[in-house]
Every structure is written in structure tokens, then in C-alpha cells.
């Protein structure tokens, strides 16, 4: 099942939407067909995603990437 979580970046106030599969599968961005383990999009973009049957076990997650970018340790 597709899960979406909205959050706001404190530094600049942007509202973002994190989208991922609750089953650990890749998701397909509907407008482009690109595959992701997780996606983080600006809320205003209105992007939609569909869950696939492709396991996402080797993908770095958007949460891990955001953690690193925001100064965390990635874990």
C-alpha cells in the first residue's frame, strides 16, 4: 500500500510529501514512470505514485538521504 507523510522543513518552511510502499516495494512516479524506493516531493507538485511488485531492499530511502542532508548520520 502507498503511504504518504506530510512534513515541513524548519529551515525554509517548505511542505513536503514523503511517499513509500508499506510492503517495501518500489514505487512508480505516475507522471514520469520513474521508479523509486521512496520519493520526497513538494506538496504543491501534486505528484502521484503507484506501488509495484519490485522489492526496494537495495534502495537508499528518502528518509536516510534527508537525514544525511540535514546533518544526521544516515542511520
PDB file of N, CA and C in Angstrom:
ATOM      1  N   UNK A   1       0.831  -1.164   0.000  1.00  0.00           N
ATOM      2  CA  UNK A   1       0.000   0.000   0.000  1.00  0.00           C
ATOM      3  C   UNK A   1       0.887   1.243   0.000  1.00  0.00           C
ATOM      4  N   UNK A   2       0.487   2.243  -0.724  1.00  0.00           N
ATOM      5  CA  UNK A   2       1.204   3.517  -0.759  1.00  0.00           C
ATOM      6  C   UNK A   2       0.926   4.279   0.537  1.00  0.00           C
ATOM      7  N   UNK A   3       2.003   4.792   1.139  1.00  0.00           N
ATOM      8  CA  UNK A   3       1.893   5.602   2.348  1.00  0.00           C
ATOM      9  C   UNK A   3       2.437   6.988   2.030  1.00  0.00           C
ATOM     10  N   UNK A   4       1.714   8.030   2.473  1.00  0.00           N
ATOM     11  CA  UNK A   4       2.191   9.394   2.299  1.00  0.00           C
ATOM     12  C   UNK A   4       2.216  10.100   3.644  1.00  0.00           C
ATOM     13  N   UNK A   5       3.327  10.788   3.904  1.00  0.00           N
ATOM     14  CA  UNK A   5       3.501  11.544   5.140  1.00  0.00           C
ATOM     15  C   UNK A   5       3.900  12.964   4.776  1.00  0.00           C
ATOM     16  N   UNK A   6       3.142  13.933   5.250  1.00  0.00           N
ATOM     17  CA  UNK A   6       3.494  15.343   5.014  1.00  0.00           C
ATOM     18  C   UNK A   6       4.363  15.827   6.161  1.00  0.00           C
ATOM     19  N   UNK A   7       5.344  16.676   5.808  1.00  0.00           N
ATOM     20  CA  UNK A   7       6.179  17.304   6.823  1.00  0.00           C
ATOM     21  C   UNK A   7       6.674  18.634   6.292  1.00  0.00           C
ATOM     22  N   UNK A   8       7.143  19.473   7.190  1.00  0.00           N
ATOM     23  CA  UNK A   8       7.597  20.813   6.824  1.00  0.00           C
ATOM     24  C   UNK A   8       9.057  20.962   7.236  1.00  0.00           C
ATOM     25  N   UNK A   9       9.864  21.495   6.337  1.00  0.00           N
ATOM     26  CA  UNK A   9      11.260  21.767   6.663  1.00  0.00           C
ATOM     27  C   UNK A   9      11.332  23.038   7.496  1.00  0.00           C
ATOM     28  N   UNK A  10      11.966  22.950   8.648  1.00  0.00           N
ATOM     29  CA  UNK A  10      12.054  24.107   9.532  1.00  0.00           C
ATOM     30  C   UNK A  10      12.870  25.236   8.929  1.00  0.00           C
ATOM     31  N   UNK A  11      13.917  24.911   8.197  1.00  0.00           N
ATOM     32  CA  UNK A  11      14.823  25.930   7.677  1.00  0.00           C
ATOM     33  C   UNK A  11      14.134  26.890   6.710  1.00  0.00           C
ATOM     34  N   UNK A  12      13.265  26.357   5.855  1.00  0.00           N
ATOM     35  CA  UNK A  12      12.660  27.233   4.847  1.00  0.00           C
ATOM     36  C   UNK A  12      11.135  27.161   4.784  1.00  0.00           C
ATOM     37  N   UNK A  13      10.534  26.304   5.599  1.00  0.00           N
ATOM     38  CA  UNK A  13       9.079  26.232   5.662  1.00  0.00           C
ATOM     39  C   UNK A  13       8.403  25.455   4.548  1.00  0.00           C
ATOM     40  N   UNK A  14       9.163  24.824   3.681  1.00  0.00           N
ATOM     41  CA  UNK A  14       8.562  24.056   2.579  1.00  0.00           C
ATOM     42  C   UNK A  14       7.781  22.873   3.129  1.00  0.00           C
ATOM     43  N   UNK A  15       6.583  22.658   2.589  1.00  0.00           N
ATOM     44  CA  UNK A  15       5.824  21.462   2.933  1.00  0.00           C
ATOM     45  C   UNK A  15       6.154  20.391   1.893  1.00  0.00           C
ATOM     46  N   UNK A  16       6.585  19.232   2.376  1.00  0.00           N
ATOM     47  CA  UNK A  16       6.978  18.127   1.510  1.00  0.00           C
ATOM     48  C   UNK A  16       6.111  16.910   1.803  1.00  0.00           C
ATOM     49  N   UNK A  17       6.063  16.005   0.830  1.00  0.00           N
ATOM     50  CA  UNK A  17       5.325  14.758   0.992  1.00  0.00           C
ATOM     51  C   UNK A  17       6.286  13.601   0.738  1.00  0.00           C
ATOM     52  N   UNK A  18       6.430  12.741   1.734  1.00  0.00           N
ATOM     53  CA  UNK A  18       7.233  11.525   1.604  1.00  0.00           C
ATOM     54  C   UNK A  18       6.283  10.403   1.218  1.00  0.00           C
ATOM     55  N   UNK A  19       6.605   9.689   0.136  1.00  0.00           N
ATOM     56  CA  UNK A  19       5.761   8.605  -0.358  1.00  0.00           C
ATOM     57  C   UNK A  19       6.589   7.333  -0.429  1.00  0.00           C
ATOM     58  N   UNK A  20       6.015   6.227   0.071  1.00  0.00           N
ATOM     59  CA  UNK A  20       6.716   4.951   0.041  1.00  0.00           C
ATOM     60  C   UNK A  20       5.712   3.804   0.120  1.00  0.00           C
ATOM     61  N   UNK A  21       6.207   2.603  -0.092  1.00  0.00           N
ATOM     62  CA  UNK A  21       5.379   1.401  -0.021  1.00  0.00           C
ATOM     63  C   UNK A  21       5.441   0.815   1.381  1.00  0.00           C
ATOM     64  N   UNK A  22       4.297   0.493   1.955  1.00  0.00           N
ATOM     65  CA  UNK A  22       4.277  -0.150   3.272  1.00  0.00           C
ATOM     66  C   UNK A  22       4.788  -1.583   3.206  1.00  0.00           C
ATOM     67  N   UNK A  23       4.877  -2.135   2.000  1.00  0.00           N
ATOM     68  CA  UNK A  23       5.358  -3.512   1.818  1.00  0.00           C
ATOM     69  C   UNK A  23       6.820  -3.570   1.413  1.00  0.00           C
ATOM     70  N   UNK A  24       7.512  -2.422   1.345  1.00  0.00           N
ATOM     71  CA  UNK A  24       8.925  -2.410   0.969  1.00  0.00           C
ATOM     72  C   UNK A  24       9.157  -2.598  -0.515  1.00  0.00           C
ATOM     73  N   UNK A  25       8.203  -2.188  -1.335  1.00  0.00           N
ATOM     74  CA  UNK A  25       8.320  -2.316  -2.791  1.00  0.00           C
ATOM     75  C   UNK A  25       8.694  -0.970  -3.413  1.00  0.00           C
ATOM     76  N   UNK A  26       9.220  -1.012  -4.618  1.00  0.00           N
ATOM     77  CA  UNK A  26       9.493   0.206  -5.372  1.00  0.00           C
ATOM     78  C   UNK A  26       8.156   0.877  -5.688  1.00  0.00           C
ATOM     79  N   UNK A  27       8.196   2.196  -5.838  1.00  0.00           N
ATOM     80  CA  UNK A  27       7.018   2.924  -6.280  1.00  0.00           C
ATOM     81  C   UNK A  27       7.326   3.570  -7.625  1.00  0.00           C
ATOM     82  N   UNK A  28       6.316   3.717  -8.447  1.00  0.00           N
ATOM     83  CA  UNK A  28       6.465   4.336  -9.769  1.00  0.00           C
ATOM     84  C   UNK A  28       5.803   5.704  -9.737  1.00  0.00           C
ATOM     85  N   UNK A  29       6.565   6.728 -10.105  1.00  0.00           N
ATOM     86  CA  UNK A  29       6.002   8.072 -10.196  1.00  0.00           C
ATOM     87  C   UNK A  29       5.155   8.096 -11.456  1.00  0.00           C
ATOM     88  N   UNK A  30       3.847   8.308 -11.302  1.00  0.00           N
ATOM     89  CA  UNK A  30       2.893   8.129 -12.397  1.00  0.00           C
ATOM     90  C   UNK A  30       3.134   9.053 -13.589  1.00  0.00           C
ATOM     91  N   UNK A  31       3.545  10.266 -13.339  1.00  0.00           N
ATOM     92  CA  UNK A  31       3.712  11.214 -14.439  1.00  0.00           C
ATOM     93  C   UNK A  31       4.946  10.943 -15.290  1.00  0.00           C
ATOM     94  N   UNK A  32       6.008  10.357 -14.703  1.00  0.00           N
ATOM     95  CA  UNK A  32       7.248  10.135 -15.456  1.00  0.00           C
ATOM     96  C   UNK A  32       7.573   8.661 -15.683  1.00  0.00           C
ATOM     97  N   UNK A  33       7.001   7.778 -14.868  1.00  0.00           N
ATOM     98  CA  UNK A  33       7.319   6.352 -14.965  1.00  0.00           C
ATOM     99  C   UNK A  33       8.584   5.960 -14.232  1.00  0.00           C
ATOM    100  N   UNK A  34       9.269   6.912 -13.577  1.00  0.00           N
ATOM    101  CA  UNK A  34      10.497   6.617 -12.842  1.00  0.00           C
ATOM    102  C   UNK A  34      10.191   5.779 -11.609  1.00  0.00           C
ATOM    103  N   UNK A  35      11.125   4.890 -11.253  1.00  0.00           N
ATOM    104  CA  UNK A  35      10.980   4.024 -10.078  1.00  0.00           C
ATOM    105  C   UNK A  35      11.813   4.560  -8.921  1.00  0.00           C
ATOM    106  N   UNK A  36      11.249   4.468  -7.704  1.00  0.00           N
ATOM    107  CA  UNK A  36      11.926   4.936  -6.505  1.00  0.00           C
ATOM    108  C   UNK A  36      11.648   3.978  -5.353  1.00  0.00           C
ATOM    109  N   UNK A  37      12.585   3.888  -4.415  1.00  0.00           N
ATOM    110  CA  UNK A  37      12.330   3.193  -3.166  1.00  0.00           C
ATOM    111  C   UNK A  37      11.404   4.042  -2.309  1.00  0.00           C
ATOM    112  N   UNK A  38      11.662   5.338  -2.277  1.00  0.00           N
ATOM    113  CA  UNK A  38      10.836   6.340  -1.624  1.00  0.00           C
ATOM    114  C   UNK A  38      10.948   7.610  -2.440  1.00  0.00           C
ATOM    115  N   UNK A  39       9.958   8.466  -2.305  1.00  0.00           N
ATOM    116  CA  UNK A  39      10.006   9.747  -3.003  1.00  0.00           C
ATOM    117  C   UNK A  39       9.678  10.851  -2.015  1.00  0.00           C
ATOM    118  N   UNK A  40      10.340  11.991  -2.173  1.00  0.00           N
ATOM    119  CA  UNK A  40      10.005  13.195  -1.414  1.00  0.00           C
ATOM    120  C   UNK A  40       9.767  14.288  -2.442  1.00  0.00           C
ATOM    121  N   UNK A  41       8.549  14.835  -2.420  1.00  0.00           N
ATOM    122  CA  UNK A  41       8.140  15.839  -3.399  1.00  0.00           C
ATOM    123  C   UNK A  41       7.570  17.055  -2.695  1.00  0.00           C
ATOM    124  N   UNK A  42       7.686  18.245  -3.312  1.00  0.00           N
ATOM    125  CA  UNK A  42       6.981  19.405  -2.766  1.00  0.00           C
ATOM    126  C   UNK A  42       5.481  19.122  -2.780  1.00  0.00           C
ATOM    127  N   UNK A  43       4.781  19.495  -1.705  1.00  0.00           N
ATOM    128  CA  UNK A  43       3.346  19.212  -1.608  1.00  0.00           C
ATOM    129  C   UNK A  43       2.572  19.846  -2.772  1.00  0.00           C
ATOM    130  N   UNK A  44       2.998  21.034  -3.215  1.00  0.00           N
ATOM    131  CA  UNK A  44       2.262  21.719  -4.278  1.00  0.00           C
ATOM    132  C   UNK A  44       2.351  21.017  -5.631  1.00  0.00           C
ATOM    133  N   UNK A  45       3.318  20.097  -5.788  1.00  0.00           N
ATOM    134  CA  UNK A  45       3.519  19.435  -7.081  1.00  0.00           C
ATOM    135  C   UNK A  45       2.387  18.474  -7.424  1.00  0.00           C
ATOM    136  N   UNK A  46       1.729  17.917  -6.409  1.00  0.00           N
ATOM    137  CA  UNK A  46       0.613  17.007  -6.649  1.00  0.00           C
ATOM    138  C   UNK A  46       0.993  15.727  -7.374  1.00  0.00           C
ATOM    139  N   UNK A  47       2.232  15.283  -7.201  1.00  0.00           N
ATOM    140  CA  UNK A  47       2.681  14.063  -7.877  1.00  0.00           C
ATOM    141  C   UNK A  47       1.994  12.840  -7.279  1.00  0.00           C
ATOM    142  N   UNK A  48       1.757  11.850  -8.128  1.00  0.00           N
ATOM    143  CA  UNK A  48       1.122  10.613  -7.675  1.00  0.00           C
ATOM    144  C   UNK A  48       2.047   9.438  -7.967  1.00  0.00           C
ATOM    145  N   UNK A  49       1.902   8.387  -7.171  1.00  0.00           N
ATOM    146  CA  UNK A  49       2.768   7.209  -7.263  1.00  0.00           C
ATOM    147  C   UNK A  49       1.934   5.944  -7.167  1.00  0.00           C
ATOM    148  N   UNK A  50       2.446   4.878  -7.779  1.00  0.00           N
ATOM    149  CA  UNK A  50       1.795   3.572  -7.745  1.00  0.00           C
ATOM    150  C   UNK A  50       2.802   2.552  -7.233  1.00  0.00           C
ATOM    151  N   UNK A  51       2.358   1.685  -6.344  1.00  0.00           N
ATOM    152  CA  UNK A  51       3.208   0.627  -5.817  1.00  0.00           C
ATOM    153  C   UNK A  51       3.437  -0.441  -6.887  1.00  0.00           C
ATOM    154  N   UNK A  52       4.667  -0.949  -6.979  1.00  0.00           N
ATOM    155  CA  UNK A  52       4.991  -2.026  -7.912  1.00  0.00           C
ATOM    156  C   UNK A  52       5.194  -3.323  -7.126  1.00  0.00           C
ATOM    157  N   UNK A  53       5.535  -4.378  -7.812  1.00  0.00           N
ATOM    158  CA  UNK A  53       5.873  -5.652  -7.178  1.00  0.00           C
ATOM    159  C   UNK A  53       7.386  -5.879  -7.150  1.00  0.00           C
ATOM    160  N   UNK A  54       8.168  -4.806  -7.337  1.00  0.00           N
ATOM    161  CA  UNK A  54       9.627  -4.882  -7.353  1.00  0.00           C
ATOM    162  C   UNK A  54      10.152  -4.538  -5.951  1.00  0.00           C
ATOM    163  N   UNK A  55      10.864  -5.465  -5.302  1.00  0.00           N
ATOM    164  CA  UNK A  55      11.398  -5.174  -3.963  1.00  0.00           C
ATOM    165  C   UNK A  55      12.353  -3.983  -3.974  1.00  0.00           C
ATOM    166  N   UNK A  56      12.282  -3.161  -2.933  1.00  0.00           N
ATOM    167  CA  UNK A  56      13.118  -1.958  -2.834  1.00  0.00           C
ATOM    168  C   UNK A  56      14.237  -2.139  -1.820  1.00  0.00           C
ATOM    169  N   UNK A  57      14.610  -3.354  -1.512  1.00  0.00           N
ATOM    170  CA  UNK A  57      15.547  -3.621  -0.424  1.00  0.00           C
ATOM    171  C   UNK A  57      16.921  -3.003  -0.601  1.00  0.00           C
ATOM    172  N   UNK A  58      17.393  -2.761  -1.816  1.00  0.00           N
ATOM    173  CA  UNK A  58      18.727  -2.203  -2.017  1.00  0.00           C
ATOM    174  C   UNK A  58      18.726  -0.698  -2.237  1.00  0.00           C
ATOM    175  N   UNK A  59      17.566  -0.070  -2.214  1.00  0.00           N
ATOM    176  CA  UNK A  59      17.463   1.366  -2.444  1.00  0.00           C
ATOM    177  C   UNK A  59      17.762   2.136  -1.162  1.00  0.00           C
ATOM    178  N   UNK A  60      18.520   3.224  -1.279  1.00  0.00           N
ATOM    179  CA  UNK A  60      18.630   4.146  -0.151  1.00  0.00           C
ATOM    180  C   UNK A  60      17.276   4.818  -0.023  1.00  0.00           C
ATOM    181  N   UNK A  61      16.788   4.967   1.199  1.00  0.00           N
ATOM    182  CA  UNK A  61      15.479   5.561   1.374  1.00  0.00           C
ATOM    183  C   UNK A  61      15.575   7.079   1.381  1.00  0.00           C
ATOM    184  N   UNK A  62      14.490   7.722   1.020  1.00  0.00           N
ATOM    185  CA  UNK A  62      14.441   9.174   1.047  1.00  0.00           C
ATOM    186  C   UNK A  62      14.687   9.676   2.459  1.00  0.00           C
ATOM    187  N   UNK A  63      14.167   8.949   3.455  1.00  0.00           N
ATOM    188  CA  UNK A  63      14.393   9.337   4.846  1.00  0.00           C
ATOM    189  C   UNK A  63      15.867   9.318   5.210  1.00  0.00           C
ATOM    190  N   UNK A  64      16.592   8.294   4.760  1.00  0.00           N
ATOM    191  CA  UNK A  64      18.032   8.213   5.019  1.00  0.00           C
ATOM    192  C   UNK A  64      18.767   9.347   4.329  1.00  0.00           C
ATOM    193  N   UNK A  65      18.390   9.631   3.104  1.00  0.00           N
ATOM    194  CA  UNK A  65      19.038  10.704   2.349  1.00  0.00           C
ATOM    195  C   UNK A  65      18.766  12.055   2.998  1.00  0.00           C
ATOM    196  N   UNK A  66      17.509  12.311   3.394  1.00  0.00           N
ATOM    197  CA  UNK A  66      17.183  13.567   4.069  1.00  0.00           C
ATOM    198  C   UNK A  66      17.948  13.701   5.375  1.00  0.00           C
ATOM    199  N   UNK A  67      18.052  12.625   6.126  1.00  0.00           N
ATOM    200  CA  UNK A  67      18.785  12.646   7.383  1.00  0.00           C
ATOM    201  C   UNK A  67      20.226  13.074   7.151  1.00  0.00           C
ATOM    202  N   UNK A  68      20.854  12.504   6.135  1.00  0.00           N
ATOM    203  CA  UNK A  68      22.246  12.871   5.815  1.00  0.00           C
ATOM    204  C   UNK A  68      22.333  14.328   5.388  1.00  0.00           C
ATOM    205  N   UNK A  69      21.427  14.763   4.515  1.00  0.00           N
ATOM    206  CA  UNK A  69      21.456  16.146   4.030  1.00  0.00           C
ATOM    207  C   UNK A  69      21.221  17.150   5.148  1.00  0.00           C
ATOM    208  N   UNK A  70      20.427  16.762   6.138  1.00  0.00           N
ATOM    209  CA  UNK A  70      20.114  17.677   7.235  1.00  0.00           C
ATOM    210  C   UNK A  70      21.064  17.532   8.422  1.00  0.00           C
ATOM    211  N   UNK A  71      22.173  16.788   8.206  1.00  0.00           N
ATOM    212  CA  UNK A  71      23.211  16.719   9.204  1.00  0.00           C
ATOM    213  C   UNK A  71      23.198  15.506  10.103  1.00  0.00           C
ATOM    214  N   UNK A  72      22.345  14.533   9.801  1.00  0.00           N
ATOM    215  CA  UNK A  72      22.317  13.305  10.609  1.00  0.00           C
ATOM    216  C   UNK A  72      23.403  12.349  10.146  1.00  0.00           C
ATOM    217  N   UNK A  73      23.380  11.168  10.712  1.00  0.00           N
ATOM    218  CA  UNK A  73      24.403  10.182  10.368  1.00  0.00           C
ATOM    219  C   UNK A  73      23.935   9.161   9.328  1.00  0.00           C
ATOM    220  N   UNK A  74      22.667   9.295   8.868  1.00  0.00           N
ATOM    221  CA  UNK A  74      22.170   8.385   7.853  1.00  0.00           C
ATOM    222  C   UNK A  74      21.640   7.084   8.389  1.00  0.00           C
ATOM    223  N   UNK A  75      21.644   6.897   9.675  1.00  0.00           N
ATOM    224  CA  UNK A  75      21.214   5.645  10.259  1.00  0.00           C
ATOM    225  C   UNK A  75      19.969   5.821  10.986  1.00  0.00           C
TER     226      UNK A  75
END
